[in-house]
Protein backbone atom coordinates (compact mmCIF):
# COMPACT_ATOMS: atom_id res chain seq x y z
CA MET A 1 30.49 19.68 3.30
CA GLU A 2 27.34 18.09 5.37
CA THR A 3 25.89 14.94 3.91
CA ILE A 4 22.69 13.23 4.80
CA PRO A 5 22.50 9.59 5.83
CA THR A 6 20.08 7.68 3.46
CA ASN A 7 19.25 5.10 5.98
CA GLY A 8 18.35 5.22 9.07
CA ASP A 9 14.76 5.95 11.60
CA VAL A 10 13.70 7.91 9.01
CA ASN A 11 9.41 8.42 9.95
CA ILE A 12 7.83 7.78 7.40
CA GLU A 13 4.21 8.33 6.95
CA LEU A 14 1.18 8.17 4.35
CA THR A 15 -0.97 10.97 3.05
CA GLU A 16 -4.40 11.52 3.55
CA ALA A 17 -5.72 9.70 -0.16
CA GLN A 18 -3.11 6.68 0.50
CA ILE A 19 -4.69 6.90 4.04
CA GLU A 20 -7.77 6.47 2.31
CA ILE A 21 -6.83 4.15 -0.41
CA VAL A 22 -5.56 1.22 2.52
CA GLY A 23 -9.39 1.65 4.07
CA MET A 24 -11.01 0.66 0.44
CA PHE A 25 -8.78 -3.01 0.27
CA ASN A 26 -11.11 -3.67 2.70
CA ASP A 27 -13.75 -3.47 0.74
CA PHE A 28 -11.73 -4.47 -2.38
CA SER A 29 -10.91 -8.06 -0.51
CA TYR A 30 -14.62 -8.75 0.51
CA GLU A 31 -15.60 -7.95 -2.98
CA ASN A 32 -13.54 -9.58 -5.05
CA GLN A 33 -12.64 -12.79 -3.57
CA ASP A 34 -11.28 -14.89 -6.17
CA LEU A 35 -8.25 -12.50 -7.11
CA THR A 36 -5.18 -12.19 -5.28
CA PHE A 37 -4.28 -8.39 -4.19
CA GLU A 38 -1.64 -7.85 -7.08
CA GLU A 39 -5.04 -8.69 -9.58
CA VAL A 40 -6.68 -6.63 -7.63
CA VAL A 41 -4.34 -3.72 -7.18
CA LEU A 42 -4.40 -3.96 -11.18
CA LYS A 43 -7.57 -4.30 -11.92
CA GLU A 44 -8.66 -1.17 -9.43
CA PHE A 45 -5.93 1.20 -9.88
CA GLY A 46 -3.23 -0.22 -12.83
CA PRO A 47 0.36 -0.98 -12.29
CA ASP A 48 1.54 2.48 -10.68
CA LEU A 49 0.14 2.27 -7.57
CA PHE A 50 2.92 1.74 -5.40
CA PRO A 51 6.08 3.55 -6.54
CA PRO A 52 9.91 2.19 -5.83
CA THR A 53 10.62 4.68 -2.64
CA PRO A 54 10.18 3.87 1.01
CA GLN A 55 6.75 5.68 1.20
CA GLY A 56 5.83 3.53 -1.60
CA ARG A 57 6.45 0.05 0.38
CA LEU A 58 4.98 1.27 3.22
CA PHE A 59 1.84 2.20 1.33
CA GLU A 60 1.87 -1.58 -0.23
CA LYS A 61 2.15 -3.20 3.46
CA GLU A 62 -0.47 -1.11 4.76
CA CYS A 63 -2.90 -2.23 1.93
CA ARG A 64 -1.69 -5.45 1.84
CA GLU A 65 -2.25 -5.87 6.04
CA VAL A 66 -5.64 -4.99 5.50
CA PHE A 67 -6.37 -7.11 2.14
CA ASP A 68 -5.50 -10.02 4.24
CA ARG A 69 -7.11 -9.15 7.50
CA GLU A 70 -10.61 -9.44 5.60
CA ARG A 71 -9.28 -12.53 4.14
CA GLU A 72 -8.88 -14.83 7.28
């Protein structure tokens, strides 16, 4: 029986919907300057936006980068 490795160079990509949401974080960062990233996520999307999966972690990372870039 062949096993599939769980670690390694797996190419994880965001969905089109996730890419659109990443772009929205630029506006959310500007419009909600008194809120942290976590507070904006809860306010705009609720607690389940980033699933605990490799894709979910990538999605959160991309959103946070856009959010932080606007704050600089």
